[in-house]
Protein backbone atom coordinates (compact mmCIF):
# COMPACT_ATOMS: atom_id res chain seq x y z
CA MET A 1 -114.54 179.53 90.85
CA ARG A 2 -117.70 179.38 92.95
CA SER A 3 -117.20 175.81 93.88
CA GLY A 4 -113.62 176.40 95.02
CA LEU A 5 -114.56 179.33 97.16
CA LEU A 6 -117.48 177.40 98.67
CA LEU A 7 -115.12 174.56 99.60
CA ILE A 8 -112.67 176.94 101.34
CA PHE A 9 -115.59 178.51 103.22
CA LEU A 10 -116.96 175.11 104.43
CA VAL A 11 -113.57 174.05 105.67
CA CYS A 12 -113.10 177.21 107.67
CA ALA A 13 -116.68 176.97 109.00
CA VAL A 14 -116.30 173.37 110.11
CA ALA A 15 -112.97 174.11 111.77
CA GLY A 16 -114.72 176.82 113.83
CA ALA A 17 -117.81 174.83 114.63
CA TRP A 18 -116.64 174.20 118.21
CA ALA A 19 -117.03 177.83 119.03
CA GLN A 20 -120.48 179.83 119.86
CA TYR A 21 -123.13 182.48 119.54
CA THR A 22 -124.94 184.04 122.42
CA PRO A 23 -128.46 185.42 121.97
CA SER A 24 -127.55 188.85 123.34
CA VAL A 25 -125.33 189.57 120.30
CA LEU A 26 -128.36 190.22 118.05
CA SER A 27 -131.50 191.99 119.02
CA VAL A 28 -134.42 189.59 119.73
CA ASP A 29 -137.87 190.78 118.77
CA SER A 30 -140.72 188.78 120.41
CA LEU A 31 -143.71 188.37 118.15
CA LYS A 32 -146.93 189.15 119.97
CA ILE A 33 -150.25 187.63 119.05
CA ASP A 34 -151.29 190.95 117.37
CA PHE A 35 -148.33 190.89 114.93
CA ARG A 36 -149.41 191.19 111.29
CA THR A 37 -147.60 190.75 108.01
CA SER A 38 -146.96 194.07 106.21
CA GLY A 39 -147.40 196.05 109.42
CA SER A 40 -150.30 197.71 110.99
CA ILE A 41 -153.72 198.25 109.50
CA ASP A 42 -152.90 201.93 109.01
CA SER A 43 -150.31 201.13 106.27
CA VAL A 44 -151.07 197.64 104.96
CA ASP A 45 -152.20 199.15 101.57
CA LEU A 46 -148.62 200.33 100.95
CA GLN A 47 -147.58 196.69 100.25
CA GLY A 48 -146.05 196.56 96.80
CA ARG A 49 -146.14 200.30 96.14
CA ARG A 50 -143.01 199.97 93.97
CA ALA A 51 -145.22 198.24 91.33
CA VAL A 52 -146.92 201.55 90.36
CA LEU A 53 -143.75 203.54 89.65
CA ASN A 54 -142.52 204.72 86.27
CA THR A 55 -138.79 205.16 86.77
CA PRO A 56 -135.80 203.01 85.65
CA GLY A 57 -135.96 199.78 87.50
CA MET A 58 -138.90 201.21 89.49
CA MET A 59 -136.61 202.99 91.95
CA PHE A 60 -137.57 205.45 94.68
CA GLY A 61 -140.65 203.55 95.91
CA GLY A 62 -141.13 205.80 98.93
CA ASN A 63 -141.33 209.11 97.12
CA ASN A 64 -143.85 208.68 94.39
CA GLY A 65 -141.18 207.97 91.85
CA ILE A 66 -138.88 210.93 92.48
CA PRO A 67 -135.36 210.46 93.89
CA ASP A 68 -134.45 210.41 97.62
CA LEU A 69 -130.98 210.43 99.17
CA SER A 70 -130.33 206.88 97.88
CA ILE A 71 -129.60 208.33 94.46
CA TYR A 72 -126.28 209.56 95.87
CA GLN A 73 -125.33 206.44 97.84
CA ASN A 74 -126.44 203.80 95.35
CA HIS A 75 -124.51 204.68 92.22
CA PHE A 76 -125.95 201.80 90.30
CA ASN A 77 -129.48 200.53 89.96
CA GLU A 78 -128.64 197.21 91.59
CA SER A 79 -128.28 196.92 95.35
CA PHE A 80 -125.40 194.70 96.51
CA SER A 81 -125.54 195.72 100.14
CA SER A 82 -125.82 192.91 102.76
CA ASP A 83 -129.29 191.70 103.38
CA LEU A 84 -128.66 189.26 106.25
CA VAL A 85 -131.06 189.13 109.14
CA GLN A 86 -130.21 191.61 111.88
CA ASN A 87 -133.03 190.97 114.36
CA VAL A 88 -134.07 187.55 115.58
CA ARG A 89 -137.82 187.14 115.64
CA TYR A 90 -138.88 184.93 118.62
CA SER A 91 -142.39 183.53 118.59
CA GLY A 92 -143.76 181.47 121.52
CA LEU A 93 -146.13 179.87 118.98
CA PRO A 94 -145.19 178.78 115.44
CA HIS A 95 -146.08 181.63 113.11
CA ILE A 96 -146.65 181.79 109.38
CA GLY A 97 -147.47 185.12 107.73
CA PHE A 98 -148.61 185.47 104.08
CA GLY A 99 -149.24 188.52 101.98
CA TYR A 100 -150.31 188.80 98.34
CA SER A 101 -151.23 191.73 96.13
CA PHE A 102 -151.79 192.20 92.40
CA GLY A 103 -152.90 194.94 90.07
CA ALA A 104 -152.34 196.90 86.89
CA GLN A 105 -149.19 196.40 84.80
CA GLY A 106 -149.38 192.71 85.72
CA SER A 107 -147.86 193.41 89.09
CA GLN A 108 -147.74 190.58 91.66
CA ILE A 109 -146.18 190.64 95.15
CA VAL A 110 -145.90 187.53 97.38
CA ASP A 111 -144.57 187.90 100.93
CA PHE A 112 -144.01 184.96 103.23
CA GLY A 113 -142.57 184.81 106.82
CA TYR A 114 -142.11 181.90 109.16
CA GLU A 115 -140.86 181.75 112.79
CA GLN A 116 -140.69 178.73 115.11
CA VAL A 117 -138.78 177.50 118.11
CA PHE A 118 -137.77 173.81 118.12
CA GLY A 119 -137.01 171.99 121.34
CA LYS A 120 -137.26 175.18 123.35
CA LYS A 121 -133.84 176.29 122.01
CA VAL A 122 -133.45 176.28 118.26
CA ILE A 123 -134.96 179.46 116.67
CA VAL A 124 -135.69 179.43 112.94
CA ASN A 125 -136.69 182.59 110.90
CA LEU A 126 -137.46 182.30 107.21
CA ASP A 127 -138.43 185.12 104.79
CA ALA A 128 -139.27 184.82 101.11
CA LYS A 129 -140.56 187.50 98.66
CA THR A 130 -141.21 187.83 95.00
CA PHE A 131 -142.06 191.02 93.07
CA ARG A 132 -143.06 191.19 89.44
CA SER A 133 -144.38 193.95 87.20
CA ASN A 134 -144.54 194.65 83.48
CA GLY A 135 -144.14 198.35 83.97
CA TYR A 136 -145.91 201.19 82.21
CA LEU A 137 -143.48 201.23 79.22
CA ARG A 138 -142.43 198.59 76.77
CA ASN A 139 -139.38 196.68 77.98
CA SER A 140 -139.60 197.93 81.59
CA SER A 141 -140.54 194.83 83.47
CA VAL A 142 -139.05 193.86 86.86
CA ASP A 143 -138.70 190.43 88.40
CA ASP A 144 -137.22 190.29 91.93
CA ARG A 145 -136.92 187.26 94.15
CA TYR A 146 -135.21 186.94 97.51
CA GLY A 147 -135.05 184.65 100.50
CA LYS A 148 -133.51 184.88 103.95
CA LEU A 149 -132.90 182.20 106.58
CA LEU A 150 -131.65 182.42 110.15
CA VAL A 151 -131.01 179.45 112.50
CA LEU A 152 -129.99 180.22 116.07
CA VAL A 153 -128.84 177.42 118.42
CA PRO A 154 -128.06 178.87 121.87
CA GLY A 155 -126.39 176.99 124.68
CA SER A 156 -124.64 177.41 128.01
CA ILE A 157 -121.21 176.47 126.65
CA TRP A 158 -121.53 176.33 122.85
CA SER A 159 -123.91 178.14 120.57
CA SER A 160 -124.08 178.71 116.90
CA GLU A 161 -125.85 180.86 114.30
CA ILE A 162 -126.29 180.57 110.57
CA LYS A 163 -127.60 183.40 108.41
CA THR A 164 -128.11 183.19 104.65
CA SER A 165 -129.53 185.44 102.01
CA ILE A 166 -130.25 184.92 98.31
CA ASN A 167 -131.38 187.61 95.89
CA SER A 168 -131.85 187.61 92.17
CA SER A 169 -133.26 190.37 89.97
CA LYS A 170 -134.03 190.85 86.28
CA VAL A 171 -134.80 194.35 85.14
CA ASP A 172 -135.66 195.37 81.59
CA LEU A 173 -134.19 198.73 80.76
CA ALA A 174 -136.14 200.75 78.15
CA ALA A 175 -134.02 203.94 78.63
CA GLY A 176 -137.28 206.00 78.39
CA LEU A 177 -139.71 206.92 75.61
CA ARG A 178 -138.33 207.65 72.23
CA ALA A 179 -138.16 211.36 71.24
CA GLY A 180 -141.37 212.50 69.59
CA SER A 181 -143.65 210.05 71.40
CA ASP A 182 -147.11 211.40 72.26
CA PRO A 183 -148.38 210.16 75.68
CA ALA A 184 -151.40 212.41 75.47
CA THR A 185 -152.80 210.45 72.45
CA PHE A 186 -151.78 206.87 73.12
CA PRO A 187 -151.29 204.75 76.29
CA LEU A 188 -147.68 204.51 77.40
CA ILE A 189 -147.46 200.79 76.64
CA PHE A 190 -148.07 201.49 72.94
CA LEU A 191 -145.36 204.12 72.53
CA PRO A 192 -141.82 203.24 71.21
CA VAL A 193 -138.90 203.26 73.68
CA ASN A 194 -135.24 203.89 73.17
CA LYS A 195 -134.24 200.32 73.89
CA SER A 196 -136.48 197.37 73.12
CA ASP A 197 -134.13 194.59 74.08
CA ALA A 198 -131.84 195.58 76.91
CA ASN A 199 -131.91 194.10 80.45
CA SER A 200 -129.80 193.51 83.55
CA HIS A 201 -129.54 190.34 85.60
CA THR A 202 -128.05 190.59 89.18
CA ARG A 203 -127.54 188.00 91.85
CA ARG A 204 -126.32 188.22 95.40
CA SER A 205 -125.75 185.26 97.71
CA GLU A 206 -124.48 185.36 101.26
CA ILE A 207 -123.99 182.80 104.10
CA GLN A 208 -122.53 183.52 107.47
CA MET A 209 -121.77 181.16 110.35
CA SER A 210 -121.03 182.56 113.75
CA ASN A 211 -119.75 180.24 116.52
CA TYR A 212 -118.70 181.02 120.14
CA VAL A 213 -117.62 179.09 123.24
CA ASP A 214 -118.18 180.53 126.72
CA PHE A 215 -115.38 180.00 129.26
CA LEU A 216 -117.77 181.19 132.10
CA SER A 217 -120.66 178.89 131.29
CA LYS A 218 -121.38 178.25 134.96
CA ASP A 219 -122.25 181.96 135.49
CA SER A 220 -125.37 182.80 133.45
CA SER A 221 -124.97 186.58 134.17
CA LYS A 222 -121.54 186.77 132.52
CA ALA A 223 -119.79 185.44 129.55
CA LEU A 224 -116.15 185.43 128.30
CA GLY A 225 -115.04 183.34 125.35
CA LEU A 226 -113.80 182.70 121.92
CA MET A 227 -115.74 183.58 118.72
CA ILE A 228 -115.20 182.49 115.08
CA GLU A 229 -117.09 183.99 112.15
CA ASN A 230 -117.05 182.88 108.55
CA ARG A 231 -118.86 184.55 105.65
CA LEU A 232 -119.11 183.81 101.92
CA THR A 233 -120.50 186.39 99.57
CA ILE A 234 -120.99 186.05 95.79
CA ARG A 235 -122.47 188.74 93.59
CA ASP A 236 -122.53 189.18 89.85
CA ARG A 237 -124.20 191.16 87.12
CA LEU A 238 -125.03 190.32 83.46
CA PHE A 239 -126.08 193.05 81.01
CA LEU A 240 -127.66 191.99 77.69
CA GLU A 241 -128.50 194.16 74.72
CA SER A 242 -129.50 193.01 71.17
CA ASP A 243 -129.74 195.65 68.49
CA THR A 244 -127.57 197.54 66.07
CA LEU A 245 -125.13 199.30 68.29
CA PHE A 246 -123.39 201.53 65.73
CA GLY A 247 -124.01 205.22 66.42
CA ILE A 248 -125.31 204.51 69.95
CA TYR A 249 -121.98 204.06 71.73
CA ASN A 250 -118.63 205.81 71.29
CA PHE A 251 -116.82 202.51 70.53
CA ILE A 252 -117.45 198.86 70.19
CA ASN A 253 -114.97 196.37 71.59
CA ILE A 254 -116.44 192.99 70.78
CA ASP A 255 -119.69 192.75 68.89
CA SER A 256 -121.63 195.40 66.85
CA THR A 257 -124.97 193.47 67.01
CA SER A 258 -125.29 192.36 70.61
CA THR A 259 -123.80 192.85 74.06
CA ARG A 260 -123.16 190.32 76.83
CA ASP A 261 -121.30 192.13 79.64
CA ASN A 262 -120.52 190.27 82.88
CA TYR A 263 -118.69 190.69 86.12
CA GLN A 264 -118.54 188.63 89.28
CA LEU A 265 -117.08 189.34 92.73
CA SER A 266 -116.64 186.52 95.27
CA ARG A 267 -115.43 187.07 98.81
CA ILE A 268 -114.59 184.99 101.89
CA ASP A 269 -114.24 186.60 105.33
CA ASN A 270 -112.73 184.45 108.17
CA GLY A 271 -112.52 186.07 111.58
CA ALA A 272 -111.52 184.90 115.07
CA GLY A 273 -111.41 186.72 118.43
CA PHE A 274 -112.80 187.16 121.85
CA PHE A 275 -116.01 188.43 123.37
CA THR A 276 -117.29 189.36 126.81
CA ARG A 277 -120.83 189.94 128.11
CA ASN A 278 -122.55 190.94 131.29
CA LYS A 279 -125.97 192.27 132.13
CA ASN A 280 -125.61 195.53 130.36
CA LEU A 281 -122.52 195.23 128.10
CA TYR A 282 -121.39 193.14 125.14
CA ALA A 283 -118.02 193.68 123.52
CA ALA A 284 -115.99 191.70 120.92
CA GLY A 285 -112.77 192.00 118.99
CA LEU A 286 -111.72 190.00 115.94
CA ILE A 287 -108.91 189.61 113.44
CA GLN A 288 -110.26 188.98 109.93
CA TYR A 289 -108.56 187.31 107.02
CA ASN A 290 -110.39 188.33 103.87
CA TYR A 291 -109.95 186.94 100.33
CA TRP A 292 -111.76 188.19 97.27
CA LYS A 293 -111.65 187.45 93.58
CA TYR A 294 -113.01 189.65 90.81
CA TYR A 295 -113.72 188.38 87.33
CA ASN A 296 -114.56 190.45 84.28
CA LEU A 297 -114.37 189.73 80.49
CA SER A 298 -110.67 190.63 80.35
CA PHE A 299 -109.81 191.09 84.02
CA ASP A 300 -109.14 188.46 86.62
CA HIS A 301 -107.79 189.61 89.94
CA ASP A 302 -107.69 188.34 93.52
CA THR A 303 -106.17 189.71 96.74
CA VAL A 304 -105.86 189.10 100.42
CA GLU A 305 -106.85 191.70 103.07
CA ILE A 306 -106.38 191.58 106.84
CA ALA A 307 -108.57 193.69 109.08
CA VAL A 308 -109.45 194.25 112.75
CA VAL A 309 -113.10 194.47 113.89
CA GLY A 310 -114.44 195.78 117.15
CA ARG A 311 -118.06 195.66 118.28
CA VAL A 312 -119.80 196.94 121.41
CA LYS A 313 -123.39 197.06 122.78
CA TYR A 314 -124.56 198.78 125.92
CA LEU A 315 -128.08 198.88 127.44
CA LYS A 316 -129.04 200.31 130.77
CA LYS A 317 -132.41 201.59 131.81
CA SER A 318 -133.44 204.19 129.23
CA PHE A 319 -130.20 204.46 127.29
CA TYR A 320 -128.82 202.11 124.62
CA GLY A 321 -125.85 202.31 122.35
CA GLU A 322 -124.07 200.00 119.85
CA GLY A 323 -121.12 200.41 117.51
CA GLU A 324 -118.87 198.61 115.16
CA LEU A 325 -115.43 199.57 113.55
CA ASN A 326 -113.64 197.77 110.75
CA TYR A 327 -110.08 198.76 109.87
CA ALA A 328 -107.92 197.19 107.14
CA LEU A 329 -104.40 196.54 108.30
CA ARG A 330 -103.31 195.06 104.93
CA GLY A 331 -104.79 195.81 101.52
CA ALA A 332 -107.88 197.84 100.64
CA GLY A 333 -105.79 201.07 101.00
CA ASN A 334 -106.10 200.88 104.82
CA SER A 335 -109.84 201.46 104.43
CA PHE A 336 -112.06 201.73 107.42
CA SER A 337 -115.82 201.70 108.10
CA GLY A 338 -118.05 201.78 111.06
CA ARG A 339 -121.49 202.52 112.52
CA VAL A 340 -122.77 203.97 115.79
CA ASN A 341 -126.32 203.85 117.12
CA LEU A 342 -127.41 205.73 120.24
CA GLY A 343 -130.78 206.19 121.79
CA VAL A 344 -132.50 207.61 124.89
CA LYS A 345 -136.09 206.71 125.77
CA LYS A 346 -138.11 208.68 128.32
CA ASP A 347 -141.81 208.83 129.23
CA LEU A 348 -142.45 211.99 127.17
CA TRP A 349 -139.72 211.92 124.55
CA GLU A 350 -137.29 209.65 122.64
CA ALA A 351 -134.12 210.47 120.80
CA GLN A 352 -132.13 208.45 118.37
CA SER A 353 -128.87 208.99 116.42
CA GLN A 354 -127.43 206.72 113.83
CA LEU A 355 -123.98 207.25 112.16
CA ASN A 356 -122.49 205.32 109.25
CA PHE A 357 -119.13 206.09 107.75
CA GLN A 358 -116.58 204.55 105.46
CA SER A 359 -113.48 205.49 103.70
CA GLY A 360 -111.44 203.51 101.22
CA TRP A 361 -110.91 202.29 97.73
CA PRO A 362 -113.96 201.95 95.46
CA ASP A 363 -115.62 198.71 94.52
CA PRO A 364 -113.51 196.36 92.18
CA PHE A 365 -116.24 197.00 89.56
CA VAL A 366 -115.30 200.70 89.59
CA ARG A 367 -111.64 200.04 89.57
CA SER A 368 -111.61 197.98 86.40
CA TYR A 369 -114.38 197.05 84.00
CA TYR A 370 -113.98 195.95 80.37
CA ALA A 371 -117.21 195.48 78.37
CA ASN A 372 -118.52 195.67 74.83
CA ASN A 373 -118.91 199.46 75.05
CA ILE A 374 -116.98 200.26 78.23
CA GLU A 375 -113.36 200.49 79.24
CA GLN A 376 -112.91 201.57 82.91
CA GLU A 377 -109.49 201.75 84.47
CA TRP A 378 -108.81 203.18 87.99
CA ASN A 379 -105.50 205.04 88.47
CA TYR A 380 -105.29 204.01 92.17
CA GLY A 381 -105.68 207.58 93.27
CA SER A 382 -107.71 208.78 96.19
CA GLY A 383 -110.44 206.71 97.79
CA THR A 384 -113.97 207.67 98.57
CA SER A 385 -115.26 208.84 101.91
CA THR A 386 -118.99 208.68 102.97
CA PHE A 387 -120.48 210.11 106.13
CA ASN A 388 -124.15 209.58 106.90
CA LEU A 389 -125.81 210.84 110.10
CA LYS A 390 -129.46 210.45 111.02
CA ASN A 391 -131.11 212.07 114.02
CA ARG A 392 -134.65 211.57 115.27
CA VAL A 393 -136.60 213.11 118.19
CA SER A 394 -140.09 212.04 119.11
CA LEU A 395 -142.21 214.12 121.49
CA LYS A 396 -144.94 211.94 123.09
CA ILE A 397 -147.36 214.66 123.96
CA LYS A 398 -151.06 215.11 123.26
CA LEU A 399 -150.22 215.88 119.66
CA PRO A 400 -147.12 213.75 118.99
CA VAL A 401 -144.35 215.36 116.95
CA VAL A 402 -141.40 213.76 115.19
CA LEU A 403 -138.37 215.83 114.15
CA GLN A 404 -135.81 214.19 111.91
CA HIS A 405 -132.50 215.36 110.30
CA GLU A 406 -130.19 213.53 107.93
CA LEU A 407 -126.70 214.66 106.76
CA LEU A 408 -125.06 212.93 103.85
CA SER A 409 -121.46 213.82 102.88
CA ILE A 410 -119.55 212.13 100.06
CA LYS A 411 -115.95 213.10 99.26
CA ASP A 412 -114.24 212.06 96.04
CA GLY A 413 -117.19 209.90 95.02
CA TYR A 414 -117.34 208.23 91.60
CA TRP A 415 -120.06 209.53 89.26
CA LEU A 416 -121.01 208.64 85.70
CA MET A 417 -120.03 211.48 83.39
CA ASN A 418 -119.36 211.29 79.67
CA ASP A 419 -119.84 207.53 79.91
CA GLN A 420 -116.99 207.14 82.42
CA LEU A 421 -116.85 206.87 86.21
CA VAL A 422 -114.80 209.87 87.45
CA ASN A 423 -114.09 211.32 90.90
CA ASP A 424 -112.64 214.73 90.04
CA GLN A 425 -115.93 216.57 89.30
CA MET A 426 -118.40 216.24 92.16
CA THR A 427 -115.60 216.09 94.79
CA ASN A 428 -117.65 217.22 97.80
CA VAL A 429 -121.29 216.32 97.90
CA LEU A 430 -123.20 217.61 100.91
CA VAL A 431 -126.91 217.15 101.45
CA ASN A 432 -129.06 218.02 104.50
CA ARG A 433 -132.61 216.81 104.94
CA PHE A 434 -135.05 217.99 107.62
CA SER A 435 -138.54 216.63 108.24
CA LEU A 436 -141.40 217.35 110.56
CA SER A 437 -144.36 215.04 111.05
CA THR A 438 -147.33 214.50 113.45
CA ASN A 439 -150.33 212.20 113.84
CA PHE A 440 -153.54 213.87 114.82
CA LYS A 441 -156.14 211.36 116.10
CA TYR A 442 -159.78 211.90 117.02
CA LYS A 443 -161.85 208.78 117.65
CA GLY A 444 -161.50 206.85 114.38
CA LEU A 445 -159.99 209.72 112.36
CA SER A 446 -156.13 209.93 111.83
CA VAL A 447 -154.39 212.76 109.98
CA GLN A 448 -150.65 212.15 109.35
CA PRO A 449 -148.85 215.11 107.62
CA LEU A 450 -145.12 215.00 106.78
CA TYR A 451 -143.06 217.92 105.46
CA THR A 452 -139.47 217.49 104.19
CA TYR A 453 -136.93 220.06 103.24
CA THR A 454 -133.77 219.00 101.42
CA ALA A 455 -130.80 221.37 100.94
CA SER A 456 -127.92 220.57 98.53
CA GLN A 457 -124.82 222.42 97.43
CA GLN A 458 -124.70 220.76 94.03
CA ALA A 459 -125.39 222.44 90.75
CA ILE A 460 -127.61 219.60 89.81
CA ARG A 461 -130.38 218.91 92.31
CA PRO A 462 -132.33 215.75 91.46
CA ILE A 463 -134.12 215.83 94.85
CA PRO A 464 -136.89 218.46 95.30
CA ALA A 465 -136.26 221.05 98.00
CA HIS A 466 -139.83 220.65 99.38
CA THR A 467 -142.12 217.67 99.57
CA ILE A 468 -145.37 217.22 101.51
CA LYS A 469 -147.03 213.94 102.27
CA GLY A 470 -150.34 213.58 103.98
CA ARG A 471 -152.43 210.55 104.95
CA VAL A 472 -156.04 210.82 106.00
CA LEU A 473 -157.50 207.66 107.49
CA VAL A 474 -160.83 206.76 108.98
CA LYS A 475 -161.35 203.32 110.62
CA GLY A 476 -163.87 201.71 112.89
CA LYS A 477 -165.72 198.51 113.79
CA VAL A 478 -168.71 197.78 111.48
CA LEU A 479 -171.51 195.27 111.13
CA LYS A 480 -173.67 193.96 113.96
CA ALA A 481 -171.11 191.81 115.69
CA LYS A 482 -168.47 194.52 115.42
CA LYS A 483 -165.85 191.87 114.48
CA MET A 484 -164.87 193.62 111.25
CA LEU A 485 -162.53 196.61 111.33
CA ALA A 486 -163.00 198.68 108.19
CA PHE A 487 -160.77 201.58 107.00
CA LEU A 488 -160.94 204.23 104.23
CA GLY A 489 -158.43 206.89 103.39
CA ALA A 490 -156.36 208.93 101.01
CA ASP A 491 -152.72 209.82 100.42
CA LEU A 492 -151.76 213.27 99.18
CA PHE A 493 -148.31 214.20 97.75
CA TYR A 494 -146.74 217.38 96.62
CA SER A 495 -143.29 218.01 95.23
CA SER A 496 -141.56 221.24 94.32
CA SER A 497 -139.28 221.51 91.28
CA PHE A 498 -136.22 219.28 90.77
CA ASP A 499 -133.66 218.57 88.02
CA LEU A 500 -134.12 215.61 85.70
CA LEU A 501 -131.40 213.05 85.15
CA SER A 502 -130.90 210.67 82.25
CA PHE A 503 -130.26 206.93 82.83
CA SER A 504 -127.60 204.66 81.29
CA PRO A 505 -128.80 201.06 80.96
CA VAL A 506 -125.31 199.69 80.14
CA TRP A 507 -123.95 201.16 83.43
CA SER A 508 -127.32 200.87 85.23
CA SER A 509 -126.61 204.27 86.66
CA PHE A 510 -127.82 207.87 86.31
CA LYS A 511 -125.72 210.35 84.43
CA TRP A 512 -124.43 213.43 86.26
CA ASP A 513 -123.03 215.39 83.33
CA SER A 514 -125.84 217.93 83.32
CA SER A 515 -129.52 218.11 83.89
CA THR A 516 -131.74 217.15 80.96
CA GLY A 517 -134.53 219.42 82.12
CA ILE A 518 -136.63 220.53 85.08
CA ASN A 519 -139.82 219.14 86.58
CA ASP A 520 -141.68 222.22 87.86
CA GLY A 521 -143.37 220.22 90.62
CA PHE A 522 -146.56 218.31 90.83
CA ALA A 523 -149.33 217.02 93.07
CA ASP A 524 -150.69 213.41 93.27
CA LEU A 525 -153.47 211.65 95.06
CA SER A 526 -154.18 207.98 95.87
CA ALA A 527 -157.23 206.43 97.61
CA PHE A 528 -157.51 203.22 99.47
CA GLY A 529 -159.80 201.13 101.67
CA GLY A 530 -160.19 197.68 103.19
CA PHE A 531 -161.12 195.64 106.18
CA GLU A 532 -159.70 193.32 108.85
CA ILE A 533 -161.39 190.24 110.47
CA GLU A 534 -159.14 188.76 113.18
CA LYS A 535 -155.94 187.82 111.38
CA PHE A 536 -157.23 188.27 107.78
CA ARG A 537 -157.01 191.67 105.99
CA PHE A 538 -158.03 192.85 102.50
CA PHE A 539 -157.27 196.14 100.84
CA VAL A 540 -157.82 197.94 97.53
CA ARG A 541 -155.80 200.95 96.45
CA PHE A 542 -156.17 203.40 93.52
CA GLU A 543 -152.85 204.99 92.56
CA HIS A 544 -151.78 208.14 90.77
CA LEU A 545 -155.13 209.82 90.42
CA GLY A 546 -152.96 212.85 89.65
CA ALA A 547 -152.75 211.54 86.08
CA MET A 548 -156.11 213.20 85.59
CA TRP A 549 -154.73 216.71 85.93
CA ASN A 550 -150.93 216.50 85.52
CA ASP A 551 -149.41 217.18 82.10
CA PRO A 552 -149.08 213.80 80.30
CA PHE A 553 -145.68 215.01 78.91
CA MET A 554 -144.33 215.83 82.35
CA GLU A 555 -141.21 213.72 83.11
CA LEU A 556 -139.96 212.33 86.44
CA GLN A 557 -136.65 211.38 84.78
CA GLU A 558 -135.64 211.86 81.15
CA GLY A 559 -137.92 209.72 78.98
CA TYR A 560 -140.05 208.58 81.98
CA THR A 561 -143.31 210.45 82.18
CA PHE A 562 -145.84 210.60 85.03
CA PRO A 563 -147.47 207.13 85.34
CA GLU A 564 -151.06 206.36 84.41
CA ASN A 565 -153.56 205.83 87.18
CA SER A 566 -153.90 202.22 88.32
CA PHE A 567 -155.23 199.96 91.06
CA ARG A 568 -154.03 197.11 93.32
CA LEU A 569 -155.83 194.48 95.48
CA GLY A 570 -154.16 192.62 98.31
CA ILE A 571 -154.54 190.39 101.30
CA THR A 572 -152.53 189.37 104.34
CA TRP A 573 -153.19 186.37 106.60
CA ASP A 574 -151.31 185.37 109.76
CA PHE A 575 -151.42 181.97 111.42
CA PHE A 576 -150.20 181.19 114.91
CA ASN A 577 -149.80 177.58 115.99
């Protein structure tokens, strides 16, 4: 099936290779000589922070292992969202960036980036990353690998762009500590878990070719022309479990000793239309012919969809805006999706708004899935609607202040309850999140507090109402020549109470039947330090010092206790020319 779809994609792409891409379609970020892999010196130690988590699949890396709003949007522990490059990185000099960190639980993170311009025209961006960790529990290792490539060939008449992304992940799913385990007496790695041989393998591959031809090539300030886009996406999941399955699941369809569940979704999108561009405005409209094929153990289905796509970008002085709308004319239940980004930038303040919305039928995986211990059939009832709005206001005053608000609304979403995906229970999910942060600086001292309040209407609240983060950092030039920049700091974290959820490895999803308990809140502390010499940086970080005072039986999710303290070492190194 893969080879046939690939052949169709290549034929369509070659047929459209006489068309173009203009550099103004994507945002272009120019790499300055002070660019550094993994960001600024103030946050380089956060590289690989996911490695020190103790949650299923090491989710929620930004919140010390407790859920954020992604728990509502990502129903399953595997992310299949598009990961294609959105911003072109332009470097006047060839650039290679390298990052590496390792630490407890056998964690290793390798980060590689490459940018170069060939022949003053062709722009190449390459990213590669690997993440590995054994985890704190037995059978809880993670092995993630991904790569992204962008090739941009601009021209006065014809231009082209190719973007590709490949991601593979293997996650061992322990399903938490076995009941009766004593984390106060023995290290977590020695304690029995609920599942000793269950794991999930996911893969996502994407390639997109964009081609345009400009009818007004003699006028560099304007453009009007034809555009052709072709995209091939393949994603699949394989779940394996070897053990006696009697008494664990409600029924067994195939094998009582082992499970090998698999599904695959392949999709081809071919679009053609027109675009126009001037100094401030870019607009495009396309008709898309979409074909997808879904394969499961006992289900093989394909269909054709036709959609219209509209895009617009506007930039003038201090205001910018961009948007995209996709509407299905045929198939997909007349689904539609879109996004809008608006921003205003002034001397003393900056405001941004980002809106993402979609409405339509659920993923084919949700509609029909037959497995060893699962039978899921969709009745072709109502679809799901998601509305996500993010607002941000930055005040550039003596003491800078950042105000943020996020609204998430999900109507008729599908949730795992009683080992089935249903949409008649949590029919209206509404979550509001507000945050306030600042950055107090005095000479080499920086204090960065962040307070977040989350309000939810749901009976089960897996996200704490109050969280407080605080970073205290001291940095300065040391040694006689003053060529070394050293830094030392600490991260503080506090969470109020929140409901615990249980996790289903076979679904790779949290269960929303009822809460399995309450975490009454906790405090945590991490310490870090390092140095920078020109383009080389080194850091060391000690994580989860809160293990010294938090209750060892305290759970972050059912069966997943607070992690043990650990450490990480890391470097980054950037080379220009």
